[in-house]
């Protein structure tokens, strides 16, 4: 089976990483409502969220790091990007 790399961002400050879990859960719930509960290749397929202490100055660097470190069937990873907020990314089963 395949996977898709999916990202989303939340415009929250760096010290607001503890607020991401309920926002992410709501995004996943809406995604599963719209796309189903199995192998959609969308963010609803990630198994939870891991908020890291990683931060980046450039979005491109953040996306690259998350895509290289996230694992299919595992939690989505959240990193902070200066001026952008929190980037969340996951390899989602399809």
N, C-alpha and C. Protein backbone atom coordinates (compact mmCIF):
# COMPACT_ATOMS: atom_id res chain seq x y z
N UNK A 1 0.84 -1.18 0.00
CA UNK A 1 0.00 0.00 0.00
C UNK A 1 0.88 1.23 0.00
N UNK A 2 0.34 2.31 -0.51
CA UNK A 2 1.11 3.53 -0.65
C UNK A 2 0.91 4.50 0.50
N UNK A 3 1.47 5.68 0.31
CA UNK A 3 1.30 6.74 1.29
C UNK A 3 1.48 8.09 0.60
N UNK A 4 0.91 9.09 1.21
CA UNK A 4 1.02 10.47 0.74
C UNK A 4 1.61 11.31 1.87
N UNK A 5 2.50 12.24 1.51
CA UNK A 5 3.01 13.17 2.50
C UNK A 5 2.08 14.38 2.54
N UNK A 6 1.51 14.62 3.69
CA UNK A 6 0.52 15.68 3.88
C UNK A 6 1.04 16.67 4.92
N UNK A 7 0.82 17.96 4.68
CA UNK A 7 1.17 18.98 5.67
C UNK A 7 -0.01 19.91 5.91
N UNK A 8 0.02 20.54 7.06
CA UNK A 8 -0.90 21.63 7.36
C UNK A 8 -0.21 22.54 8.34
N UNK A 9 -0.67 23.77 8.45
CA UNK A 9 -0.06 24.73 9.36
C UNK A 9 -1.10 25.35 10.26
N UNK A 10 -0.64 25.73 11.44
CA UNK A 10 -1.46 26.47 12.39
C UNK A 10 -0.70 27.73 12.77
N UNK A 11 -1.35 28.86 12.66
CA UNK A 11 -0.74 30.15 12.99
C UNK A 11 -0.75 30.35 14.50
N UNK A 12 0.09 29.63 15.17
CA UNK A 12 0.25 29.74 16.62
C UNK A 12 1.68 30.14 16.92
N UNK A 13 1.88 30.77 18.05
CA UNK A 13 3.22 31.16 18.47
C UNK A 13 4.01 29.94 18.92
N UNK A 14 5.32 30.11 18.98
CA UNK A 14 6.18 28.99 19.35
C UNK A 14 5.83 28.42 20.72
N UNK A 15 5.48 29.28 21.66
CA UNK A 15 5.15 28.81 23.01
C UNK A 15 3.73 28.26 23.11
N UNK A 16 3.02 28.15 22.00
CA UNK A 16 1.66 27.64 22.01
C UNK A 16 1.55 26.22 21.42
N UNK A 17 2.67 25.52 21.39
CA UNK A 17 2.67 24.15 20.87
C UNK A 17 1.74 23.23 21.64
N UNK A 18 1.53 23.54 22.92
CA UNK A 18 0.62 22.70 23.73
C UNK A 18 -0.83 22.85 23.30
N UNK A 19 -1.15 23.80 22.46
CA UNK A 19 -2.51 24.00 21.97
C UNK A 19 -2.79 23.25 20.66
N UNK A 20 -1.79 22.60 20.12
CA UNK A 20 -1.94 21.95 18.82
C UNK A 20 -2.77 20.68 18.84
N UNK A 21 -2.67 19.88 19.89
CA UNK A 21 -3.33 18.57 19.91
C UNK A 21 -4.83 18.65 19.64
N UNK A 22 -5.59 19.51 20.34
CA UNK A 22 -7.03 19.55 20.04
C UNK A 22 -7.35 20.11 18.65
N UNK A 23 -6.53 21.04 18.17
CA UNK A 23 -6.74 21.59 16.82
C UNK A 23 -6.49 20.51 15.77
N UNK A 24 -5.41 19.75 15.98
CA UNK A 24 -5.08 18.67 15.06
C UNK A 24 -6.14 17.58 15.09
N UNK A 25 -6.61 17.24 16.28
CA UNK A 25 -7.66 16.21 16.42
C UNK A 25 -8.93 16.63 15.67
N UNK A 26 -9.27 17.90 15.74
CA UNK A 26 -10.46 18.39 15.03
C UNK A 26 -10.25 18.30 13.52
N UNK A 27 -9.05 18.63 13.04
CA UNK A 27 -8.74 18.51 11.61
C UNK A 27 -8.86 17.05 11.16
N UNK A 28 -8.34 16.14 11.99
CA UNK A 28 -8.41 14.72 11.65
C UNK A 28 -9.86 14.24 11.62
N UNK A 29 -10.64 14.64 12.59
CA UNK A 29 -12.04 14.22 12.64
C UNK A 29 -12.79 14.69 11.39
N UNK A 30 -12.58 15.95 11.01
CA UNK A 30 -13.24 16.48 9.81
C UNK A 30 -12.75 15.75 8.56
N UNK A 31 -11.46 15.46 8.52
CA UNK A 31 -10.90 14.75 7.38
C UNK A 31 -11.50 13.36 7.24
N UNK A 32 -11.61 12.64 8.35
CA UNK A 32 -12.19 11.29 8.28
C UNK A 32 -13.67 11.35 7.90
N UNK A 33 -14.38 12.39 8.31
CA UNK A 33 -15.77 12.57 7.92
C UNK A 33 -15.87 12.75 6.40
N UNK A 34 -14.94 13.54 5.85
CA UNK A 34 -14.98 13.85 4.42
C UNK A 34 -14.37 12.76 3.54
N UNK A 35 -13.36 12.04 4.06
CA UNK A 35 -12.59 11.12 3.22
C UNK A 35 -12.59 9.67 3.65
N UNK A 36 -13.28 9.35 4.72
CA UNK A 36 -13.35 7.97 5.18
C UNK A 36 -12.32 7.66 6.24
N UNK A 37 -12.43 6.46 6.80
CA UNK A 37 -11.63 6.07 7.95
C UNK A 37 -10.48 5.11 7.63
N UNK A 38 -10.26 4.81 6.35
CA UNK A 38 -9.15 3.90 6.05
C UNK A 38 -8.54 4.21 4.68
N UNK A 39 -7.22 4.26 4.66
CA UNK A 39 -6.42 4.36 3.45
C UNK A 39 -6.80 5.51 2.52
N UNK A 40 -7.18 6.64 3.10
CA UNK A 40 -7.54 7.80 2.28
C UNK A 40 -6.31 8.56 1.80
N UNK A 41 -5.17 8.37 2.47
CA UNK A 41 -3.97 9.12 2.12
C UNK A 41 -4.01 10.55 2.60
N UNK A 42 -4.91 10.85 3.50
CA UNK A 42 -5.07 12.21 4.02
C UNK A 42 -4.75 12.24 5.52
N UNK A 43 -4.75 13.43 6.09
CA UNK A 43 -4.24 13.65 7.45
C UNK A 43 -4.98 12.83 8.52
N UNK A 44 -6.19 12.42 8.24
CA UNK A 44 -6.93 11.60 9.19
C UNK A 44 -6.32 10.24 9.44
N UNK A 45 -5.39 9.83 8.58
CA UNK A 45 -4.76 8.52 8.72
C UNK A 45 -3.55 8.53 9.67
N UNK A 46 -3.07 9.70 10.06
CA UNK A 46 -1.94 9.77 10.99
C UNK A 46 -2.40 9.26 12.36
N UNK A 47 -1.48 8.65 13.08
CA UNK A 47 -1.78 8.07 14.40
C UNK A 47 -1.34 9.01 15.51
N UNK A 48 -2.04 10.13 15.63
CA UNK A 48 -1.72 11.08 16.68
C UNK A 48 -0.73 12.15 16.23
N UNK A 49 -0.20 12.88 17.22
CA UNK A 49 0.65 14.02 16.94
C UNK A 49 1.81 14.06 17.93
N UNK A 50 2.99 14.29 17.42
CA UNK A 50 4.17 14.49 18.25
C UNK A 50 4.67 15.92 18.01
N UNK A 51 4.56 16.76 19.04
CA UNK A 51 5.04 18.14 18.95
C UNK A 51 6.52 18.12 19.34
N UNK A 52 7.38 18.46 18.38
CA UNK A 52 8.82 18.42 18.62
C UNK A 52 9.32 19.78 19.11
N UNK A 53 10.57 19.82 19.53
CA UNK A 53 11.18 21.09 19.91
C UNK A 53 12.00 21.67 18.76
N UNK A 54 11.85 21.10 17.57
CA UNK A 54 12.55 21.59 16.39
C UNK A 54 11.93 22.90 15.92
N UNK A 55 12.79 23.84 15.46
CA UNK A 55 12.28 25.05 14.84
C UNK A 55 13.18 25.42 13.67
N UNK A 56 12.59 26.07 12.70
CA UNK A 56 13.28 26.39 11.46
C UNK A 56 13.01 27.84 11.08
N UNK A 57 13.95 28.40 10.35
CA UNK A 57 13.78 29.77 9.85
C UNK A 57 13.04 29.78 8.52
N UNK A 58 13.15 28.69 7.76
CA UNK A 58 12.54 28.61 6.43
C UNK A 58 11.58 27.44 6.35
N UNK A 59 10.43 27.66 5.73
CA UNK A 59 9.42 26.62 5.57
C UNK A 59 9.98 25.44 4.77
N UNK A 60 10.74 25.71 3.74
CA UNK A 60 11.30 24.64 2.91
C UNK A 60 12.14 23.68 3.74
N UNK A 61 12.94 24.21 4.63
CA UNK A 61 13.78 23.36 5.49
C UNK A 61 12.92 22.54 6.45
N UNK A 62 11.86 23.15 6.95
CA UNK A 62 10.96 22.44 7.87
C UNK A 62 10.25 21.29 7.16
N UNK A 63 9.74 21.54 5.98
CA UNK A 63 9.05 20.50 5.20
C UNK A 63 10.02 19.35 4.91
N UNK A 64 11.23 19.68 4.52
CA UNK A 64 12.21 18.65 4.23
C UNK A 64 12.49 17.79 5.47
N UNK A 65 12.70 18.44 6.63
CA UNK A 65 12.99 17.69 7.84
C UNK A 65 11.82 16.78 8.23
N UNK A 66 10.61 17.33 8.18
CA UNK A 66 9.44 16.52 8.56
C UNK A 66 9.26 15.36 7.59
N UNK A 67 9.41 15.60 6.30
CA UNK A 67 9.21 14.51 5.33
C UNK A 67 10.25 13.41 5.51
N UNK A 68 11.46 13.76 5.95
CA UNK A 68 12.50 12.76 6.16
C UNK A 68 12.37 12.03 7.49
N UNK A 69 11.68 12.63 8.46
CA UNK A 69 11.62 12.05 9.80
C UNK A 69 10.26 11.44 10.16
N UNK A 70 9.22 11.84 9.49
CA UNK A 70 7.90 11.24 9.74
C UNK A 70 7.89 9.82 9.15
N UNK A 71 7.12 8.96 9.77
CA UNK A 71 7.04 7.57 9.33
C UNK A 71 5.59 7.18 9.07
N UNK A 72 5.38 6.43 8.00
CA UNK A 72 4.04 5.90 7.71
C UNK A 72 3.58 5.07 8.90
N UNK A 73 2.32 5.17 9.25
CA UNK A 73 1.67 4.46 10.35
C UNK A 73 2.02 5.05 11.72
N UNK A 74 2.78 6.13 11.75
CA UNK A 74 3.18 6.73 13.02
C UNK A 74 2.51 8.09 13.19
N UNK A 75 2.91 8.78 14.24
CA UNK A 75 2.35 10.09 14.54
C UNK A 75 2.81 11.13 13.51
N UNK A 76 1.96 12.14 13.33
CA UNK A 76 2.37 13.32 12.57
C UNK A 76 3.39 14.08 13.42
N UNK A 77 4.28 14.80 12.77
CA UNK A 77 5.29 15.58 13.47
C UNK A 77 5.00 17.07 13.32
N UNK A 78 5.14 17.81 14.42
CA UNK A 78 4.94 19.27 14.40
C UNK A 78 6.26 19.95 14.68
N UNK A 79 6.62 20.93 13.85
CA UNK A 79 7.81 21.75 14.03
C UNK A 79 7.41 23.21 13.89
N UNK A 80 8.17 24.08 14.51
CA UNK A 80 7.87 25.51 14.44
C UNK A 80 8.69 26.17 13.33
N UNK A 81 8.05 27.07 12.59
CA UNK A 81 8.71 27.83 11.52
C UNK A 81 8.53 29.31 11.82
N UNK A 82 9.67 30.03 11.95
CA UNK A 82 9.62 31.46 12.24
C UNK A 82 8.74 32.20 11.24
N UNK A 83 7.84 33.02 11.74
CA UNK A 83 6.98 33.83 10.89
C UNK A 83 5.82 33.09 10.26
N UNK A 84 5.77 31.78 10.39
CA UNK A 84 4.73 30.97 9.76
C UNK A 84 3.83 30.27 10.78
N UNK A 85 4.38 29.87 11.90
CA UNK A 85 3.64 29.10 12.90
C UNK A 85 4.09 27.67 12.89
N UNK A 86 3.21 26.78 13.25
CA UNK A 86 3.52 25.35 13.37
C UNK A 86 3.19 24.61 12.08
N UNK A 87 4.15 23.87 11.60
CA UNK A 87 3.96 22.98 10.45
C UNK A 87 3.79 21.58 10.99
N UNK A 88 2.76 20.90 10.53
CA UNK A 88 2.52 19.51 10.88
C UNK A 88 2.56 18.70 9.60
N UNK A 89 3.27 17.59 9.64
CA UNK A 89 3.38 16.73 8.47
C UNK A 89 3.34 15.27 8.84
N UNK A 90 2.84 14.45 7.92
CA UNK A 90 2.75 13.00 8.15
C UNK A 90 2.72 12.27 6.82
N UNK A 91 3.26 11.05 6.85
CA UNK A 91 3.10 10.11 5.74
C UNK A 91 1.84 9.32 6.04
N UNK A 92 0.81 9.51 5.22
CA UNK A 92 -0.51 8.94 5.50
C UNK A 92 -0.83 7.80 4.53
N UNK A 93 -1.25 6.69 5.10
CA UNK A 93 -1.50 5.50 4.29
C UNK A 93 -2.61 5.72 3.27
N UNK A 94 -2.38 5.15 2.09
CA UNK A 94 -3.37 5.28 1.01
C UNK A 94 -3.58 3.94 0.32
